[in-house]
């Protein structure tokens, strides 16, 4: 399982690649170059969405039982 920092770094990398491909598409390109960049852009978007759908690896530590707050139990009358 990757750490939070690793996941955020991968998300940034995909986002930066998507921005780079968008900038490239605004330039003069041959049909072959445009086709290649559009396919790479599609792959980067899919990877970003796939990664974003996975749970964030945030560890939660439970305090020892003696330090946990008492739950409120209303009296039933």
Protein backbone atom coordinates (compact mmCIF):
# COMPACT_ATOMS: atom_id res chain seq x y z
CA UNK A 1 0.00 0.00 0.00
CA UNK A 2 1.37 3.40 -0.93
CA UNK A 3 1.73 6.20 1.57
CA UNK A 4 -0.27 9.41 1.46
CA UNK A 5 2.77 11.30 0.16
CA UNK A 6 3.29 8.77 -2.64
CA UNK A 7 -0.35 8.95 -3.69
CA UNK A 8 -0.35 12.75 -3.72
CA UNK A 9 2.88 12.75 -5.74
CA UNK A 10 1.35 10.39 -8.31
CA UNK A 11 -1.80 12.53 -8.53
CA UNK A 12 0.34 15.63 -9.11
CA UNK A 13 2.36 13.84 -11.77
CA UNK A 14 -0.76 12.82 -13.71
CA UNK A 15 -2.23 16.31 -13.36
CA UNK A 16 0.99 17.92 -14.61
CA UNK A 17 1.15 15.53 -17.56
CA UNK A 18 -2.46 16.37 -18.47
CA UNK A 19 -1.66 20.08 -18.40
CA UNK A 20 1.47 19.52 -20.51
CA UNK A 21 -0.49 17.56 -23.14
CA UNK A 22 -3.16 20.28 -23.25
CA UNK A 23 -0.45 22.88 -23.91
CA UNK A 24 1.06 20.70 -26.64
CA UNK A 25 -2.31 20.32 -28.34
CA UNK A 26 -2.45 24.11 -28.72
CA UNK A 27 0.70 24.04 -30.85
CA UNK A 28 1.16 23.14 -34.51
CA UNK A 29 1.36 19.37 -34.79
CA UNK A 30 1.22 16.80 -37.53
CA UNK A 31 -1.78 14.47 -37.55
CA UNK A 32 0.38 11.65 -36.22
CA UNK A 33 1.74 13.79 -33.36
CA UNK A 34 -1.74 15.02 -32.47
CA UNK A 35 -3.08 11.47 -32.45
CA UNK A 36 -0.26 10.31 -30.18
CA UNK A 37 -0.70 13.20 -27.73
CA UNK A 38 -4.46 12.70 -27.60
CA UNK A 39 -3.98 9.01 -26.80
CA UNK A 40 -1.44 9.86 -24.07
CA UNK A 41 -3.83 12.49 -22.70
CA UNK A 42 -6.60 9.91 -22.54
CA UNK A 43 -4.31 7.44 -20.75
CA UNK A 44 -3.24 10.07 -18.20
CA UNK A 45 -6.86 11.02 -17.51
CA UNK A 46 -7.82 7.38 -16.98
CA UNK A 47 -4.87 6.85 -14.66
CA UNK A 48 -5.75 9.98 -12.67
CA UNK A 49 -9.38 8.94 -12.27
CA UNK A 50 -8.41 5.40 -11.33
CA UNK A 51 -5.93 6.59 -8.73
CA UNK A 52 -8.35 9.17 -7.34
CA UNK A 53 -10.97 6.46 -6.80
CA UNK A 54 -8.71 4.44 -4.50
CA UNK A 55 -8.94 5.17 -0.78
CA UNK A 56 -6.46 7.61 0.68
CA UNK A 57 -3.99 5.79 2.95
CA UNK A 58 -4.59 7.77 6.12
CA UNK A 59 -3.83 5.73 9.23
CA UNK A 60 -6.14 6.20 12.18
CA UNK A 61 -4.87 5.23 15.59
CA UNK A 62 -7.39 4.46 18.28
CA UNK A 63 -6.50 5.67 21.75
CA UNK A 64 -6.22 3.04 24.48
CA UNK A 65 -9.62 2.09 25.96
CA UNK A 66 -8.99 4.06 29.14
CA UNK A 67 -8.48 7.24 27.07
CA UNK A 68 -11.49 6.80 24.81
CA UNK A 69 -14.42 9.10 25.50
CA UNK A 70 -17.43 7.52 27.15
CA UNK A 71 -20.41 7.13 24.88
CA UNK A 72 -23.61 8.83 25.87
CA UNK A 73 -26.38 6.40 26.80
CA UNK A 74 -29.71 8.12 27.42
CA UNK A 75 -31.90 6.72 30.15
CA UNK A 76 -35.02 5.02 28.90
CA UNK A 77 -38.11 5.76 31.01
